[in-house]
C-alpha cells in the first residue's frame, strides 16, 4: 500500500523517488497522483517526506487536483536556463532537474528513477544531471519488483471497490458481445453474416467492444484478445482482424480494460464455441475447467502463488499435457503461468513463479487465475480466467461473476 512506500524505500536503501512522464497511463505517476491531465510532469518524493509535483503552467489546475504540493516549471525560466546551459537543450533539462531536486532538499543520495517517458531523452538528461550532482546516484530497479510494484501488491478497500467496479463493467460488455454474436444470421459455410450479407469479422467485434467500453467510461489501452481457431492456440494472439467468425471453433476472449486515463484494470477470459463444440474442443475445455475448479478448491490465503503454478502443472501433466514443470518453454499444452497480480498495471505482483519464494496470496492482493491449453496445429485453444481478492477473513472473493458455458446457442 502507499503507506508502505517509505519503509520499502528504506529497505532498498533509496533516499528519493523520481517519477517522470504523464499522470495518465503511467502507473508509478498515476499511483501517487491519482491521474489527471498532467503531461510531462516530474514528481520528487524524498524518503519520509511528502512528494512534490512539478508541472506545466497550462495544467496547474489539473495538478492541484492531485492534492500534492505543486510547483510550476515556470519557477525555472527557460530564458535563464538557456543562458546557463549555453543553449545546450540537453543541459537545460539537466540543470532544471538539479534545481528541482535541490529545492526538494536533495543534493546527495540514491535516487530511484521511474515512469514512462522517451528512453533516449530521459537517459541523456539523467546522465547530464549526474555530472552536475556527483553526490547523487540515479538508480533503476527491476521492472518486475520495484518499490512501486511492492507497494501496489496489497490494496486498500477503495482500490478493491474500483477494481470490482471495473469487473462489473467488463462482464457487462462481455454479455453484450455474447448477445451480439448469437444474434447474427449464419451462412451455408457456418460463417456469421452481417446485415449486408458480408462475413462478421474479428475487427467488427472489436469495434463493438471498444464502443461499449467507452460508453461506460473505460478503455482498453493494451488491446483485447479475441482469437479464433488456430490463433486461439497462441495464448497472446490478439486475433487476425480479417478472420471471419464461424460456428464450432474455439474463440478465446480475453479482455483487460481499465478506468479511463490509465487507472485500475480488470482481467477476464472466456472460451466460446458458437452453435456447437466438436468433440475435441469440448474435451479440451472440460480438462481446463476441471483444473480450474481444482485450483480454486485447493487455494488458501497465505500460500505461495508459485505453489499454485506447480499444482496447475501437475494437474495438466496428469491429463497428458506438457507443462513448464518438466518441459523447457513448451509451445503446446500448458505454456504459461496460472496468473498474476492486478491493479494499476494489468500485470503486477504477486507473480506465479515456481522458483519465487515471496509471491504470497496474502490478504489484500488481487490476482488472476487463468489455466489454459493450447494446440495451434489442431486449430484450438482454451483459457478460463477470473480475478480474485484475498480477503482478511481468509477467503477469496471472485470480483465479478459470469457464466462458464463453452457453447453459445445461436438465436436464429
Protein backbone atom coordinates (compact mmCIF):
# COMPACT_ATOMS: atom_id res chain seq x y z
CA UNK A 1 0.00 0.00 0.00
CA UNK A 2 1.06 3.63 -0.40
CA UNK A 3 1.62 3.87 3.34
CA UNK A 4 4.40 1.28 2.98
CA UNK A 5 6.46 3.26 0.47
CA UNK A 6 8.83 4.92 2.96
CA UNK A 7 9.62 1.60 4.65
CA UNK A 8 10.19 -0.09 1.29
CA UNK A 9 12.50 2.77 0.27
CA UNK A 10 14.46 2.31 3.48
CA UNK A 11 14.72 -1.45 2.97
CA UNK A 12 16.08 -0.82 -0.53
CA UNK A 13 18.39 1.98 0.58
CA UNK A 14 16.67 4.53 -1.63
CA UNK A 15 16.64 8.14 -0.47
CA UNK A 16 14.40 9.64 -3.17
CA UNK A 17 11.84 8.58 -5.76
CA UNK A 18 11.96 10.44 -9.07
CA UNK A 19 8.98 9.79 -11.36
CA UNK A 20 8.85 11.17 -14.89
CA UNK A 21 6.13 11.47 -17.51
CA UNK A 22 2.38 11.93 -17.81
CA UNK A 23 -0.05 11.30 -14.96
CA UNK A 24 -2.24 9.14 -17.21
CA UNK A 25 -1.23 5.68 -18.46
CA UNK A 26 1.94 5.85 -16.36
CA UNK A 27 1.39 3.57 -13.37
CA UNK A 28 4.01 4.97 -10.92
CA UNK A 29 2.86 8.54 -11.58
CA UNK A 30 -0.82 7.54 -11.54
CA UNK A 31 -0.36 5.69 -8.26
CA UNK A 32 0.97 8.79 -6.49
CA UNK A 33 -1.13 11.45 -8.21
CA UNK A 34 -4.41 9.72 -8.99
CA UNK A 35 -4.06 10.55 -12.67
CA UNK A 36 -5.45 13.58 -14.45
CA UNK A 37 -4.38 15.57 -17.47
CA UNK A 38 -0.86 16.44 -16.33
CA UNK A 39 1.68 15.93 -19.10
CA UNK A 40 5.48 15.62 -18.96
CA UNK A 41 5.47 16.03 -15.21
CA UNK A 42 8.23 15.43 -12.66
CA UNK A 43 7.46 14.03 -9.22
CA UNK A 44 10.09 14.04 -6.46
CA UNK A 45 9.49 12.21 -3.20
CA UNK A 46 12.28 12.13 -0.59
CA UNK A 47 12.03 9.32 1.94
CA UNK A 48 9.97 10.35 4.95
CA UNK A 49 8.69 13.49 3.23
CA UNK A 50 5.74 14.42 1.03
CA UNK A 51 6.02 14.35 -2.74
CA UNK A 52 6.23 17.48 -4.90
CA UNK A 53 4.72 17.53 -8.39
CA UNK A 54 6.36 19.81 -10.97
CA UNK A 55 4.15 20.66 -13.95
CA UNK A 56 3.45 22.95 -16.88
CA UNK A 57 1.57 26.19 -16.21
CA UNK A 58 -1.26 25.21 -18.55
CA UNK A 59 -2.07 22.27 -16.30
CA UNK A 60 -1.82 23.96 -12.91
CA UNK A 61 -5.50 23.34 -12.11
CA UNK A 62 -5.23 19.66 -13.07
CA UNK A 63 -2.05 19.36 -11.00
CA UNK A 64 -3.79 20.94 -7.99
CA UNK A 65 -6.47 18.22 -8.10
CA UNK A 66 -3.85 15.65 -7.08
CA UNK A 67 -3.71 17.13 -3.58
CA UNK A 68 0.08 17.11 -3.70
CA UNK A 69 2.36 20.08 -3.28
CA UNK A 70 2.73 21.52 -6.78
CA UNK A 71 5.36 23.74 -8.39
CA UNK A 72 5.18 25.14 -11.90
CA UNK A 73 8.09 24.66 -14.27
CA UNK A 74 7.88 28.42 -14.83
CA UNK A 75 9.69 28.82 -11.50
CA UNK A 76 12.77 27.94 -13.57
CA UNK A 77 12.54 30.40 -16.51
CA UNK A 78 13.61 28.89 -19.80
CA UNK A 79 15.47 32.08 -20.75
CA UNK A 80 17.70 31.78 -17.71
CA UNK A 81 18.19 28.04 -18.14
CA UNK A 82 19.16 28.51 -21.79
CA UNK A 83 21.72 31.13 -20.81
CA UNK A 84 23.14 28.94 -18.04
CA UNK A 85 23.37 25.96 -20.42
CA UNK A 86 24.87 27.97 -23.30
CA UNK A 87 21.91 26.94 -25.45
CA UNK A 88 22.53 23.21 -24.99
CA UNK A 89 19.00 21.75 -24.90
CA UNK A 90 20.15 18.56 -23.20
CA UNK A 91 21.88 20.51 -20.46
CA UNK A 92 18.81 22.72 -19.97
CA UNK A 93 16.79 19.72 -18.78
CA UNK A 94 19.63 18.56 -16.54
CA UNK A 95 20.04 21.98 -14.91
CA UNK A 96 16.31 22.25 -14.28
CA UNK A 97 16.27 18.79 -12.70
CA UNK A 98 19.21 19.78 -10.50
CA UNK A 99 17.32 22.86 -9.31
CA UNK A 100 14.12 20.89 -8.65
CA UNK A 101 15.96 18.25 -6.64
CA UNK A 102 17.82 20.91 -4.68
CA UNK A 103 14.57 22.72 -3.91
CA UNK A 104 13.26 19.42 -2.51
CA UNK A 105 16.30 19.18 -0.26
CA UNK A 106 18.05 16.55 -2.40
CA UNK A 107 21.75 17.17 -3.02
CA UNK A 108 23.02 13.64 -2.41
CA UNK A 109 21.89 10.05 -2.02
CA UNK A 110 20.38 7.25 -4.07
CA UNK A 111 17.57 8.39 -6.36
CA UNK A 112 15.33 5.69 -7.84
CA UNK A 113 14.05 6.60 -11.32
CA UNK A 114 10.60 5.53 -12.59
CA UNK A 115 7.92 6.43 -15.11
CA UNK A 116 7.02 6.16 -18.78
CA UNK A 117 8.93 8.58 -21.00
CA UNK A 118 11.05 8.61 -24.13
CA UNK A 119 14.01 6.48 -23.03
CA UNK A 120 16.66 8.29 -25.04
CA UNK A 121 15.73 11.79 -23.86
CA UNK A 122 15.37 10.76 -20.21
CA UNK A 123 18.59 8.75 -20.18
CA UNK A 124 20.54 11.64 -21.68
CA UNK A 125 19.10 14.14 -19.20
CA UNK A 126 19.88 11.91 -16.23
CA UNK A 127 23.45 11.32 -17.36
CA UNK A 128 23.95 15.07 -17.74
CA UNK A 129 22.36 15.70 -14.32
CA UNK A 130 24.67 13.09 -12.79
CA UNK A 131 27.67 15.19 -13.84
CA UNK A 132 26.11 18.26 -12.23
CA UNK A 133 25.33 16.38 -9.00
CA UNK A 134 28.25 14.00 -8.29
CA UNK A 135 26.88 13.12 -4.84
CA UNK A 136 23.60 11.89 -6.32
CA UNK A 137 23.33 8.33 -7.71
CA UNK A 138 20.49 7.72 -10.15
CA UNK A 139 19.46 4.06 -9.95
CA UNK A 140 16.98 1.79 -11.69
CA UNK A 141 15.18 -1.27 -10.39
CA UNK A 142 13.88 -4.48 -11.89
CA UNK A 143 10.66 -3.88 -13.77
CA UNK A 144 9.24 -6.96 -12.04
CA UNK A 145 10.00 -5.92 -8.47
CA UNK A 146 10.27 -2.18 -7.99
CA UNK A 147 9.37 -0.06 -4.95
CA UNK A 148 6.08 0.69 -6.66
CA UNK A 149 5.18 -2.88 -7.52
CA UNK A 150 5.89 -3.94 -3.95
CA UNK A 151 3.72 -1.14 -2.57
CA UNK A 152 0.97 -1.86 -5.11
CA UNK A 153 0.85 -5.55 -4.21
CA UNK A 154 -1.70 -5.11 -1.42
CA UNK A 155 -4.79 -3.00 -1.98
CA UNK A 156 -6.98 -0.76 0.14
CA UNK A 157 -10.75 -1.15 0.31
CA UNK A 158 -11.06 1.81 -2.06
CA UNK A 159 -8.80 0.15 -4.61
CA UNK A 160 -10.79 -3.09 -4.32
CA UNK A 161 -14.01 -1.17 -4.92
CA UNK A 162 -12.59 0.36 -8.09
CA UNK A 163 -11.37 -2.99 -9.40
CA UNK A 164 -14.72 -4.57 -8.56
CA UNK A 165 -16.49 -1.81 -10.50
CA UNK A 166 -14.22 -2.46 -13.47
CA UNK A 167 -15.20 -6.12 -13.16
CA UNK A 168 -18.87 -5.15 -13.37
CA UNK A 169 -18.23 -3.07 -16.48
CA UNK A 170 -16.10 -5.79 -18.04
CA UNK A 171 -18.61 -8.59 -17.59
CA UNK A 172 -21.43 -6.33 -18.74
CA UNK A 173 -19.57 -5.74 -22.01
CA UNK A 174 -18.79 -9.47 -22.30
CA UNK A 175 -22.51 -10.12 -22.02
CA UNK A 176 -23.18 -7.63 -24.80
CA UNK A 177 -20.61 -9.37 -27.01
CA UNK A 178 -22.31 -12.71 -26.30
CA UNK A 179 -25.70 -11.31 -27.31
CA UNK A 180 -24.19 -9.61 -30.35
CA UNK A 181 -22.58 -12.80 -31.66
CA UNK A 182 -25.52 -15.09 -31.07
CA UNK A 183 -27.93 -12.67 -32.75
CA UNK A 184 -26.32 -12.96 -36.19
CA UNK A 185 -27.54 -15.00 -39.10
CA UNK A 186 -25.37 -17.91 -40.23
CA UNK A 187 -24.42 -18.65 -43.82
CA UNK A 188 -24.22 -22.03 -45.51
CA UNK A 189 -20.49 -22.22 -44.68
CA UNK A 190 -21.23 -21.68 -40.95
CA UNK A 191 -19.87 -18.12 -41.07
CA UNK A 192 -21.77 -15.41 -39.21
CA UNK A 193 -23.23 -12.79 -41.54
CA UNK A 194 -23.82 -9.07 -41.07
CA UNK A 195 -26.98 -7.37 -42.27
CA UNK A 196 -25.35 -6.66 -45.65
CA UNK A 197 -24.55 -10.34 -46.14
CA UNK A 198 -20.82 -9.93 -45.58
CA UNK A 199 -18.97 -12.08 -43.02
CA UNK A 200 -18.72 -10.80 -39.46
CA UNK A 201 -15.01 -10.44 -38.63
CA UNK A 202 -12.76 -10.10 -35.60
CA UNK A 203 -12.38 -6.42 -36.46
CA UNK A 204 -16.15 -5.90 -36.36
CA UNK A 205 -16.39 -7.47 -32.92
CA UNK A 206 -13.50 -5.44 -31.51
CA UNK A 207 -15.06 -2.20 -32.77
CA UNK A 208 -18.16 -3.01 -30.71
CA UNK A 209 -16.05 -3.87 -27.65
CA UNK A 210 -14.24 -0.53 -27.85
CA UNK A 211 -17.53 1.34 -28.23
CA UNK A 212 -19.25 -0.42 -25.33
CA UNK A 213 -16.28 0.13 -23.03
CA UNK A 214 -16.08 3.82 -23.92
CA UNK A 215 -19.80 4.23 -23.21
CA UNK A 216 -19.06 3.02 -19.67
CA UNK A 217 -16.07 5.26 -19.05
CA UNK A 218 -13.48 2.54 -19.61
CA UNK A 219 -10.83 1.83 -22.21
CA UNK A 220 -8.51 -0.99 -23.24
CA UNK A 221 -5.08 0.58 -23.87
CA UNK A 222 -3.41 -2.84 -24.09
CA UNK A 223 -5.84 -4.15 -26.73
CA UNK A 224 -8.19 -7.13 -26.45
CA UNK A 225 -7.54 -10.78 -27.25
CA UNK A 226 -10.32 -12.11 -29.46
CA UNK A 227 -8.89 -15.01 -31.44
CA UNK A 228 -10.48 -17.94 -33.21
CA UNK A 229 -9.34 -21.37 -34.36
CA UNK A 230 -5.61 -21.67 -34.89
CA UNK A 231 -4.96 -18.20 -33.45
CA UNK A 232 -6.65 -19.34 -30.22
CA UNK A 233 -3.79 -21.82 -29.93
CA UNK A 234 -1.35 -18.98 -29.27
CA UNK A 235 -2.04 -17.54 -25.79
CA UNK A 236 -1.35 -13.90 -26.66
CA UNK A 237 -2.57 -13.81 -30.25
CA UNK A 238 -4.96 -10.87 -30.33
CA UNK A 239 -6.68 -12.38 -33.36
CA UNK A 240 -6.43 -11.62 -37.08
CA UNK A 241 -8.71 -8.64 -37.84
CA UNK A 242 -9.99 -10.08 -41.13
CA UNK A 243 -10.77 -13.55 -39.75
CA UNK A 244 -14.48 -14.41 -40.06
CA UNK A 245 -16.45 -15.53 -37.02
CA UNK A 246 -17.81 -19.01 -37.57
CA UNK A 247 -19.50 -21.85 -35.74
CA UNK A 248 -17.77 -24.70 -33.96
CA UNK A 249 -14.29 -23.18 -33.48
CA UNK A 250 -12.85 -22.13 -30.13
CA UNK A 251 -12.85 -18.38 -29.53
CA UNK A 252 -10.61 -17.09 -26.74
CA UNK A 253 -11.98 -13.78 -25.48
CA UNK A 254 -9.51 -12.21 -23.03
CA UNK A 255 -10.50 -8.66 -22.10
CA UNK A 256 -8.44 -6.48 -19.74
CA UNK A 257 -9.79 -2.92 -19.74
CA UNK A 258 -9.04 -0.16 -17.25
CA UNK A 259 -10.57 3.02 -15.95
CA UNK A 260 -10.27 5.87 -18.43
CA UNK A 261 -6.93 7.59 -18.05
CA UNK A 262 -4.98 4.50 -17.10
CA UNK A 263 -6.42 3.64 -13.69
CA UNK A 264 -7.32 0.24 -12.27
CA UNK A 265 -7.63 -2.78 -14.57
CA UNK A 266 -9.77 -5.88 -14.65
CA UNK A 267 -8.81 -9.14 -16.37
CA UNK A 268 -11.26 -11.78 -17.57
CA UNK A 269 -11.29 -14.61 -20.12
CA UNK A 270 -13.88 -16.97 -21.51
CA UNK A 271 -13.63 -19.54 -24.28
CA UNK A 272 -16.63 -19.94 -26.54
CA UNK A 273 -17.79 -22.12 -29.40
CA UNK A 274 -20.72 -20.70 -31.31
CA UNK A 275 -23.57 -23.10 -32.04
CA UNK A 276 -21.82 -26.29 -31.08
CA UNK A 277 -18.50 -27.65 -29.88
CA UNK A 278 -16.80 -30.53 -31.72
CA UNK A 279 -15.74 -33.45 -29.54
CA UNK A 280 -12.05 -32.48 -29.39
CA UNK A 281 -12.80 -28.87 -28.45
CA UNK A 282 -15.28 -29.94 -25.78
CA UNK A 283 -12.75 -32.38 -24.30
CA UNK A 284 -10.06 -29.72 -24.15
CA UNK A 285 -12.45 -27.29 -22.48
CA UNK A 286 -13.57 -29.89 -19.93
CA UNK A 287 -9.94 -30.57 -19.00
CA UNK A 288 -9.21 -26.87 -18.44
CA UNK A 289 -12.41 -26.42 -16.44
CA UNK A 290 -11.53 -29.42 -14.26
CA UNK A 291 -8.10 -27.97 -13.49
CA UNK A 292 -9.58 -24.53 -12.82
CA UNK A 293 -12.08 -25.93 -10.30
CA UNK A 294 -9.39 -27.97 -8.55
CA UNK A 295 -7.14 -24.91 -8.22
CA UNK A 296 -9.93 -22.84 -6.70
CA UNK A 297 -10.75 -25.64 -4.27
CA UNK A 298 -7.15 -26.07 -3.09
CA UNK A 299 -6.07 -22.39 -2.92
CA UNK A 300 -5.53 -20.97 0.54
CA UNK A 301 -4.88 -17.40 1.66
CA UNK A 302 -1.20 -17.10 2.56
CA UNK A 303 0.09 -19.82 0.22
CA UNK A 304 2.82 -19.21 -2.33
CA UNK A 305 1.48 -18.30 -5.76
CA UNK A 306 4.32 -20.39 -7.17
CA UNK A 307 2.85 -23.44 -5.44
CA UNK A 308 -0.44 -22.79 -7.27
CA UNK A 309 1.54 -22.80 -10.52
CA UNK A 310 3.24 -26.09 -9.59
CA UNK A 311 -0.13 -27.64 -8.77
CA UNK A 312 -1.52 -26.45 -12.11
CA UNK A 313 1.39 -28.02 -13.99
CA UNK A 314 0.95 -31.32 -12.14
CA UNK A 315 -2.77 -31.40 -12.90
CA UNK A 316 -2.30 -30.76 -16.59
CA UNK A 317 0.55 -33.27 -16.86
CA UNK A 318 -1.68 -35.88 -15.22
CA UNK A 319 -4.08 -35.27 -18.13
CA UNK A 320 -1.25 -35.89 -20.60
CA UNK A 321 -0.32 -32.31 -21.50
CA UNK A 322 3.13 -30.74 -21.45
CA UNK A 323 3.82 -28.01 -18.90
CA UNK A 324 6.74 -25.83 -17.71
CA UNK A 325 7.25 -28.23 -14.80
CA UNK A 326 9.05 -30.82 -16.93
CA UNK A 327 9.33 -29.18 -20.37
CA UNK A 328 11.50 -26.15 -21.09
CA UNK A 329 9.42 -23.47 -22.84
CA UNK A 330 6.61 -25.73 -24.12
CA UNK A 331 4.85 -24.48 -27.23
CA UNK A 332 1.79 -26.73 -26.86
CA UNK A 333 -0.23 -27.83 -23.86
CA UNK A 334 0.02 -25.62 -20.77
CA UNK A 335 2.57 -22.96 -21.66
CA UNK A 336 2.26 -20.03 -19.23
CA UNK A 337 1.77 -19.17 -15.57
CA UNK A 338 -1.52 -19.68 -13.76
CA UNK A 339 -1.99 -15.99 -13.04
CA UNK A 340 -0.58 -12.64 -11.93
CA UNK A 341 -1.31 -9.71 -9.69
CA UNK A 342 -3.59 -6.95 -10.97
CA UNK A 343 -4.07 -3.26 -10.16
CA UNK A 344 -2.97 -0.08 -11.94
CA UNK A 345 -0.93 -2.47 -14.08
CA UNK A 346 -2.57 -5.36 -15.86
CA UNK A 347 0.40 -7.48 -14.75
CA UNK A 348 1.97 -6.88 -11.36
CA UNK A 349 2.94 -8.65 -8.14
CA UNK A 350 2.45 -11.30 -6.91
CA UNK A 351 3.99 -13.43 -9.66
CA UNK A 352 3.10 -17.12 -10.00
CA UNK A 353 6.64 -18.42 -10.42
CA UNK A 354 7.64 -21.78 -9.07
CA UNK A 355 11.17 -20.58 -8.29
CA UNK A 356 9.99 -17.45 -6.43
CA UNK A 357 9.52 -17.68 -2.68
CA UNK A 358 7.99 -14.28 -1.89
CA UNK A 359 4.88 -14.25 -4.07
CA UNK A 360 2.24 -14.87 -1.42
CA UNK A 361 -1.53 -14.84 -1.82
CA UNK A 362 -1.59 -12.67 1.29
CA UNK A 363 -4.61 -10.66 2.45
CA UNK A 364 -5.09 -7.60 0.26
CA UNK A 365 -3.71 -8.95 -3.01
CA UNK A 366 -5.76 -9.05 -6.21
CA UNK A 367 -4.77 -11.69 -8.73
CA UNK A 368 -5.98 -13.74 -11.67
CA UNK A 369 -6.41 -17.49 -12.05
CA UNK A 370 -6.22 -18.43 -15.73
CA UNK A 371 -5.31 -22.02 -16.65
CA UNK A 372 -5.33 -22.84 -20.35
CA UNK A 373 -4.38 -25.39 -23.01
CA UNK A 374 -3.15 -24.53 -26.50
CA UNK A 375 -2.82 -26.59 -29.67
CA UNK A 376 -2.45 -24.27 -32.67
CA UNK A 377 -1.78 -27.04 -35.17
CA UNK A 378 -5.05 -28.67 -34.09
CA UNK A 379 -6.74 -25.30 -34.56
CA UNK A 380 -7.82 -24.76 -30.97
CA UNK A 381 -7.05 -23.20 -27.61
CA UNK A 382 -8.92 -22.83 -24.32
CA UNK A 383 -8.44 -20.48 -21.38
CA UNK A 384 -10.66 -19.64 -18.40
CA UNK A 385 -9.82 -16.60 -16.26
CA UNK A 386 -11.31 -14.79 -13.30
CA UNK A 387 -9.94 -12.15 -10.94
CA UNK A 388 -9.85 -12.78 -7.17
CA UNK A 389 -9.22 -10.81 -3.99
CA UNK A 390 -7.60 -12.42 -0.95
CA UNK A 391 -9.66 -11.14 1.98
CA UNK A 392 -8.60 -10.52 5.56
CA UNK A 393 -11.04 -13.22 6.74
CA UNK A 394 -9.04 -15.91 4.94
CA UNK A 395 -11.38 -16.33 1.98
CA UNK A 396 -11.15 -15.44 -1.70
CA UNK A 397 -13.73 -13.28 -3.46
CA UNK A 398 -14.26 -13.52 -7.19
CA UNK A 399 -14.70 -9.87 -8.07
CA UNK A 400 -17.14 -10.36 -10.96
CA UNK A 401 -19.48 -13.16 -11.94
CA UNK A 402 -20.20 -14.58 -15.39
CA UNK A 403 -21.28 -18.00 -16.61
CA UNK A 404 -18.68 -20.55 -17.70
CA UNK A 405 -20.53 -22.05 -20.68
CA UNK A 406 -18.46 -23.09 -23.69
CA UNK A 407 -21.25 -23.38 -26.27
CA UNK A 408 -23.26 -20.26 -27.10
CA UNK A 409 -26.57 -21.16 -28.71
CA UNK A 410 -27.40 -19.10 -31.77
CA UNK A 411 -30.71 -17.27 -31.66
CA UNK A 412 -31.52 -17.81 -35.34
